[in-house]
Amino acid sequence: MPWDLDNDRPIYLQLMERIQQDIIAGVYKPGDKLPSVRDLALDAAVNPNTMQKALSELERSGLVYSQRTSGRFITEDEKMLKNMKLELASEHIHQFLEKMELLGFEEEETLELIQKALKGDN
């Protein structure tokens, strides 16, 4: 999946969010070794220093840890990962509901549209 980065927000934050999403989505499993800074930077088409900053911030959050000579690894704290996944889902839901409200939909109408979409109805 391409790294869709924009100039509206700091690049390192977007990199952090993308790596976090990949971890939550299971692209990287708990305990997995992350690719090197250079490889990740090359893949994202960013400066390695920017990728280093993003990874350092992820380390600070506890999502990633480093082993001096072996590289960086994903936390094995499944509770942390589950909580992060629920928080992210909640954020997306709130953003969606705000957008639906801006479009003029009532809660009941939004719920009906969601139910139709889940059933595959257009």
N, C-alpha and C. Protein backbone atom coordinates (compact mmCIF):
# COMPACT_ATOMS: atom_id res chain seq x y z
N MET A 1 0.84 -1.17 0.00
CA MET A 1 0.00 0.00 0.00
C MET A 1 0.89 1.25 0.00
N PRO A 2 0.61 2.22 -0.89
CA PRO A 2 1.48 3.39 -0.97
C PRO A 2 1.38 4.25 0.29
N TRP A 3 2.43 4.97 0.56
CA TRP A 3 2.48 5.88 1.71
C TRP A 3 1.93 7.23 1.22
N ASP A 4 0.64 7.44 1.33
CA ASP A 4 0.02 8.68 0.86
C ASP A 4 0.28 9.80 1.85
N LEU A 5 1.37 10.52 1.64
CA LEU A 5 1.76 11.60 2.53
C LEU A 5 1.36 12.93 1.90
N ASP A 6 0.93 13.86 2.75
CA ASP A 6 0.57 15.18 2.24
C ASP A 6 1.39 16.24 2.97
N ASN A 7 1.34 17.45 2.47
CA ASN A 7 2.14 18.54 3.03
C ASN A 7 1.39 19.34 4.09
N ASP A 8 0.17 18.91 4.43
CA ASP A 8 -0.64 19.67 5.39
C ASP A 8 -0.23 19.42 6.83
N ARG A 9 0.42 18.29 7.08
CA ARG A 9 0.82 17.92 8.45
C ARG A 9 2.26 17.43 8.43
N PRO A 10 2.93 17.48 9.58
CA PRO A 10 4.32 17.00 9.61
C PRO A 10 4.43 15.55 9.10
N ILE A 11 5.42 15.33 8.27
CA ILE A 11 5.62 14.02 7.64
C ILE A 11 5.86 12.94 8.70
N TYR A 12 6.66 13.25 9.73
CA TYR A 12 6.97 12.21 10.71
C TYR A 12 5.71 11.73 11.43
N LEU A 13 4.74 12.64 11.65
CA LEU A 13 3.48 12.22 12.27
C LEU A 13 2.70 11.27 11.36
N GLN A 14 2.71 11.58 10.07
CA GLN A 14 2.02 10.71 9.11
C GLN A 14 2.70 9.34 9.04
N LEU A 15 4.02 9.33 9.12
CA LEU A 15 4.76 8.06 9.12
C LEU A 15 4.41 7.25 10.36
N MET A 16 4.36 7.93 11.51
CA MET A 16 4.00 7.25 12.76
C MET A 16 2.61 6.63 12.64
N GLU A 17 1.66 7.41 12.13
CA GLU A 17 0.28 6.91 12.00
C GLU A 17 0.22 5.72 11.07
N ARG A 18 0.96 5.76 9.99
CA ARG A 18 0.95 4.67 9.03
C ARG A 18 1.53 3.39 9.64
N ILE A 19 2.65 3.52 10.33
CA ILE A 19 3.27 2.35 10.95
C ILE A 19 2.35 1.82 12.05
N GLN A 20 1.77 2.73 12.83
CA GLN A 20 0.83 2.34 13.88
C GLN A 20 -0.35 1.58 13.28
N GLN A 21 -0.88 2.09 12.18
CA GLN A 21 -2.01 1.42 11.53
C GLN A 21 -1.60 0.04 11.02
N ASP A 22 -0.42 -0.06 10.45
CA ASP A 22 0.07 -1.36 9.97
C ASP A 22 0.19 -2.36 11.12
N ILE A 23 0.63 -1.88 12.27
CA ILE A 23 0.76 -2.75 13.44
C ILE A 23 -0.62 -3.20 13.91
N ILE A 24 -1.54 -2.25 14.02
CA ILE A 24 -2.89 -2.56 14.49
C ILE A 24 -3.61 -3.49 13.52
N ALA A 25 -3.38 -3.28 12.23
CA ALA A 25 -4.05 -4.09 11.20
C ALA A 25 -3.43 -5.48 11.06
N GLY A 26 -2.29 -5.71 11.71
CA GLY A 26 -1.69 -7.04 11.66
C GLY A 26 -0.64 -7.22 10.59
N VAL A 27 -0.29 -6.14 9.88
CA VAL A 27 0.81 -6.25 8.89
C VAL A 27 2.08 -6.65 9.62
N TYR A 28 2.28 -6.03 10.78
CA TYR A 28 3.36 -6.42 11.68
C TYR A 28 2.73 -7.02 12.92
N LYS A 29 3.17 -8.18 13.30
CA LYS A 29 2.63 -8.90 14.46
C LYS A 29 3.43 -8.55 15.72
N PRO A 30 2.83 -8.75 16.91
CA PRO A 30 3.58 -8.53 18.14
C PRO A 30 4.89 -9.32 18.13
N GLY A 31 5.97 -8.63 18.45
CA GLY A 31 7.29 -9.28 18.47
C GLY A 31 8.02 -9.28 17.14
N ASP A 32 7.34 -8.91 16.05
CA ASP A 32 7.98 -8.87 14.74
C ASP A 32 9.07 -7.80 14.70
N LYS A 33 10.09 -8.07 13.92
CA LYS A 33 11.15 -7.09 13.69
C LYS A 33 10.71 -6.16 12.57
N LEU A 34 10.86 -4.86 12.80
CA LEU A 34 10.56 -3.88 11.75
C LEU A 34 11.70 -3.83 10.74
N PRO A 35 11.40 -3.48 9.50
CA PRO A 35 12.49 -3.25 8.56
C PRO A 35 13.41 -2.13 9.08
N SER A 36 14.58 -2.03 8.53
CA SER A 36 15.53 -1.00 8.96
C SER A 36 14.99 0.39 8.63
N VAL A 37 15.54 1.39 9.31
CA VAL A 37 15.16 2.78 9.06
C VAL A 37 15.36 3.11 7.59
N ARG A 38 16.48 2.70 7.06
CA ARG A 38 16.79 2.99 5.66
C ARG A 38 15.78 2.34 4.71
N ASP A 39 15.43 1.09 4.98
CA ASP A 39 14.46 0.39 4.13
C ASP A 39 13.08 1.03 4.21
N LEU A 40 12.66 1.37 5.43
CA LEU A 40 11.36 2.02 5.59
C LEU A 40 11.34 3.39 4.90
N ALA A 41 12.43 4.15 5.06
CA ALA A 41 12.52 5.47 4.44
C ALA A 41 12.48 5.35 2.92
N LEU A 42 13.17 4.37 2.39
CA LEU A 42 13.19 4.15 0.95
C LEU A 42 11.78 3.80 0.46
N ASP A 43 11.12 2.92 1.18
CA ASP A 43 9.76 2.50 0.82
C ASP A 43 8.78 3.68 0.86
N ALA A 44 8.94 4.56 1.86
CA ALA A 44 8.04 5.70 2.01
C ALA A 44 8.49 6.91 1.19
N ALA A 45 9.66 6.83 0.60
CA ALA A 45 10.25 7.92 -0.18
C ALA A 45 10.44 9.17 0.68
N VAL A 46 11.03 8.97 1.87
CA VAL A 46 11.32 10.09 2.76
C VAL A 46 12.77 10.02 3.20
N ASN A 47 13.23 11.10 3.79
CA ASN A 47 14.58 11.16 4.33
C ASN A 47 14.70 10.19 5.51
N PRO A 48 15.79 9.43 5.60
CA PRO A 48 15.96 8.50 6.73
C PRO A 48 15.88 9.19 8.10
N ASN A 49 16.30 10.46 8.19
CA ASN A 49 16.21 11.19 9.47
C ASN A 49 14.76 11.39 9.89
N THR A 50 13.89 11.61 8.92
CA THR A 50 12.47 11.78 9.21
C THR A 50 11.88 10.46 9.70
N MET A 51 12.26 9.37 9.05
CA MET A 51 11.78 8.05 9.49
C MET A 51 12.33 7.73 10.87
N GLN A 52 13.58 8.08 11.13
CA GLN A 52 14.18 7.85 12.44
C GLN A 52 13.39 8.58 13.53
N LYS A 53 12.99 9.80 13.24
CA LYS A 53 12.20 10.58 14.21
C LYS A 53 10.87 9.90 14.49
N ALA A 54 10.20 9.42 13.44
CA ALA A 54 8.92 8.73 13.61
C ALA A 54 9.09 7.48 14.46
N LEU A 55 10.11 6.70 14.19
CA LEU A 55 10.34 5.47 14.94
C LEU A 55 10.72 5.76 16.39
N SER A 56 11.48 6.82 16.61
CA SER A 56 11.84 7.21 17.98
C SER A 56 10.59 7.58 18.77
N GLU A 57 9.65 8.28 18.13
CA GLU A 57 8.40 8.64 18.79
C GLU A 57 7.57 7.39 19.10
N LEU A 58 7.57 6.43 18.18
CA LEU A 58 6.85 5.18 18.43
C LEU A 58 7.49 4.40 19.58
N GLU A 59 8.80 4.49 19.68
CA GLU A 59 9.49 3.86 20.81
C GLU A 59 9.08 4.52 22.12
N ARG A 60 9.03 5.85 22.09
CA ARG A 60 8.65 6.60 23.28
C ARG A 60 7.25 6.22 23.75
N SER A 61 6.36 5.91 22.80
CA SER A 61 4.98 5.53 23.15
C SER A 61 4.90 4.10 23.66
N GLY A 62 5.96 3.32 23.44
CA GLY A 62 5.97 1.93 23.89
C GLY A 62 5.49 0.93 22.85
N LEU A 63 5.08 1.42 21.70
CA LEU A 63 4.57 0.55 20.64
C LEU A 63 5.70 -0.26 20.00
N VAL A 64 6.88 0.34 19.99
CA VAL A 64 8.06 -0.27 19.37
C VAL A 64 9.18 -0.22 20.41
N TYR A 65 10.04 -1.22 20.40
CA TYR A 65 11.22 -1.17 21.26
C TYR A 65 12.42 -1.59 20.44
N SER A 66 13.60 -1.13 20.87
CA SER A 66 14.79 -1.49 20.11
C SER A 66 15.71 -2.35 20.96
N GLN A 67 16.41 -3.21 20.25
CA GLN A 67 17.46 -4.02 20.85
C GLN A 67 18.74 -3.57 20.18
N ARG A 68 19.65 -3.17 20.97
CA ARG A 68 20.85 -2.46 20.52
C ARG A 68 21.44 -2.94 19.19
N THR A 69 21.67 -4.20 19.03
CA THR A 69 22.33 -4.66 17.80
C THR A 69 21.38 -5.38 16.84
N SER A 70 20.13 -5.56 17.26
CA SER A 70 19.21 -6.36 16.44
C SER A 70 18.17 -5.55 15.68
N GLY A 71 17.94 -4.32 16.07
CA GLY A 71 16.94 -3.50 15.39
C GLY A 71 15.74 -3.20 16.26
N ARG A 72 14.67 -2.82 15.61
CA ARG A 72 13.43 -2.45 16.32
C ARG A 72 12.39 -3.55 16.16
N PHE A 73 11.61 -3.72 17.23
CA PHE A 73 10.59 -4.76 17.27
C PHE A 73 9.27 -4.19 17.75
N ILE A 74 8.19 -4.85 17.37
CA ILE A 74 6.85 -4.47 17.80
C ILE A 74 6.62 -4.98 19.22
N THR A 75 5.96 -4.17 20.03
CA THR A 75 5.67 -4.59 21.39
C THR A 75 4.89 -5.90 21.40
N GLU A 76 5.07 -6.66 22.45
CA GLU A 76 4.32 -7.91 22.60
C GLU A 76 3.17 -7.73 23.58
N ASP A 77 2.93 -6.49 23.99
CA ASP A 77 1.86 -6.15 24.92
C ASP A 77 0.53 -6.12 24.16
N GLU A 78 -0.15 -7.26 24.12
CA GLU A 78 -1.38 -7.38 23.34
C GLU A 78 -2.49 -6.48 23.88
N LYS A 79 -2.49 -6.25 25.20
CA LYS A 79 -3.49 -5.36 25.79
C LYS A 79 -3.31 -3.93 25.25
N MET A 80 -2.08 -3.47 25.17
CA MET A 80 -1.79 -2.15 24.62
C MET A 80 -2.27 -2.05 23.17
N LEU A 81 -1.98 -3.09 22.39
CA LEU A 81 -2.37 -3.10 20.99
C LEU A 81 -3.89 -3.09 20.84
N LYS A 82 -4.58 -3.86 21.67
CA LYS A 82 -6.03 -3.90 21.60
C LYS A 82 -6.62 -2.54 21.98
N ASN A 83 -6.10 -1.92 23.04
CA ASN A 83 -6.58 -0.61 23.44
C ASN A 83 -6.35 0.43 22.35
N MET A 84 -5.18 0.37 21.72
CA MET A 84 -4.85 1.29 20.65
C MET A 84 -5.81 1.11 19.47
N LYS A 85 -6.13 -0.14 19.17
CA LYS A 85 -7.05 -0.45 18.07
C LYS A 85 -8.44 0.11 18.38
N LEU A 86 -8.90 -0.07 19.61
CA LEU A 86 -10.21 0.45 20.01
C LEU A 86 -10.24 1.97 19.99
N GLU A 87 -9.17 2.61 20.45
CA GLU A 87 -9.09 4.07 20.43
C GLU A 87 -9.14 4.60 19.00
N LEU A 88 -8.40 3.97 18.12
CA LEU A 88 -8.37 4.40 16.73
C LEU A 88 -9.73 4.20 16.07
N ALA A 89 -10.38 3.07 16.36
CA ALA A 89 -11.72 2.82 15.81
C ALA A 89 -12.69 3.88 16.31
N SER A 90 -12.60 4.22 17.58
CA SER A 90 -13.48 5.22 18.16
C SER A 90 -13.28 6.58 17.49
N GLU A 91 -12.04 6.94 17.24
CA GLU A 91 -11.74 8.20 16.54
C GLU A 91 -12.39 8.22 15.17
N HIS A 92 -12.22 7.13 14.42
CA HIS A 92 -12.80 7.05 13.07
C HIS A 92 -14.32 7.15 13.11
N ILE A 93 -14.92 6.50 14.07
CA ILE A 93 -16.38 6.53 14.20
C ILE A 93 -16.86 7.95 14.49
N HIS A 94 -16.20 8.61 15.43
CA HIS A 94 -16.60 9.98 15.77
C HIS A 94 -16.43 10.93 14.58
N GLN A 95 -15.33 10.78 13.84
CA GLN A 95 -15.12 11.61 12.65
C GLN A 95 -16.21 11.35 11.61
N PHE A 96 -16.55 10.08 11.41
CA PHE A 96 -17.60 9.72 10.46
C PHE A 96 -18.93 10.34 10.88
N LEU A 97 -19.27 10.20 12.15
CA LEU A 97 -20.55 10.74 12.63
C LEU A 97 -20.59 12.25 12.51
N GLU A 98 -19.49 12.93 12.77
CA GLU A 98 -19.44 14.38 12.60
C GLU A 98 -19.68 14.76 11.14
N LYS A 99 -19.07 14.02 10.22
CA LYS A 99 -19.24 14.31 8.79
C LYS A 99 -20.68 14.06 8.35
N MET A 100 -21.27 12.99 8.85
CA MET A 100 -22.67 12.71 8.51
C MET A 100 -23.58 13.81 9.04
N GLU A 101 -23.29 14.31 10.21
CA GLU A 101 -24.08 15.40 10.79
C GLU A 101 -23.93 16.66 9.95
N LEU A 102 -22.70 16.92 9.47
CA LEU A 102 -22.47 18.08 8.61
C LEU A 102 -23.23 17.96 7.29
N LEU A 103 -23.44 16.73 6.85
CA LEU A 103 -24.21 16.49 5.63
C LEU A 103 -25.71 16.61 5.88
N GLY A 104 -26.10 16.74 7.14
CA GLY A 104 -27.51 16.93 7.47
C GLY A 104 -28.24 15.65 7.83
N PHE A 105 -27.52 14.57 8.07
CA PHE A 105 -28.18 13.32 8.43
C PHE A 105 -28.44 13.25 9.93
N GLU A 106 -29.60 12.76 10.29
CA GLU A 106 -29.93 12.48 11.69
C GLU A 106 -29.29 11.14 12.06
N GLU A 107 -29.20 10.86 13.36
CA GLU A 107 -28.58 9.61 13.80
C GLU A 107 -29.29 8.39 13.24
N GLU A 108 -30.61 8.42 13.22
CA GLU A 108 -31.38 7.27 12.72
C GLU A 108 -31.11 7.03 11.23
N GLU A 109 -31.02 8.13 10.46
CA GLU A 109 -30.74 8.00 9.03
C GLU A 109 -29.34 7.42 8.81
N THR A 110 -28.39 7.89 9.61
CA THR A 110 -27.03 7.39 9.49
C THR A 110 -26.99 5.90 9.80
N LEU A 111 -27.69 5.51 10.85
CA LEU A 111 -27.74 4.09 11.22
C LEU A 111 -28.37 3.25 10.11
N GLU A 112 -29.43 3.74 9.49
CA GLU A 112 -30.07 3.02 8.37
C GLU A 112 -29.09 2.86 7.21
N LEU A 113 -28.35 3.92 6.90
CA LEU A 113 -27.37 3.85 5.79
C LEU A 113 -26.26 2.84 6.10
N ILE A 114 -25.83 2.81 7.35
CA ILE A 114 -24.80 1.85 7.74
C ILE A 114 -25.32 0.42 7.62
N GLN A 115 -26.55 0.20 8.09
CA GLN A 115 -27.13 -1.14 8.00
C GLN A 115 -27.29 -1.58 6.55
N LYS A 116 -27.72 -0.67 5.69
CA LYS A 116 -27.84 -1.00 4.26
C LYS A 116 -26.48 -1.34 3.67
N ALA A 117 -25.48 -0.56 4.02
CA ALA A 117 -24.13 -0.81 3.49
C ALA A 117 -23.60 -2.16 3.95
N LEU A 118 -23.88 -2.52 5.20
CA LEU A 118 -23.42 -3.81 5.71
C LEU A 118 -24.10 -4.98 5.02
N LYS A 119 -25.35 -4.76 4.61
CA LYS A 119 -26.09 -5.80 3.89
C LYS A 119 -25.71 -5.87 2.42
N GLY A 120 -24.99 -4.85 1.96
CA GLY A 120 -24.59 -4.82 0.55
C GLY A 120 -25.58 -4.08 -0.33
N ASP A 121 -26.58 -3.45 0.29
CA ASP A 121 -27.55 -2.67 -0.48
C ASP A 121 -26.92 -1.32 -0.82
N ASN A 122 -27.34 -0.77 -1.97
CA ASN A 122 -26.86 0.55 -2.33
C ASN A 122 -27.84 1.54 -1.92
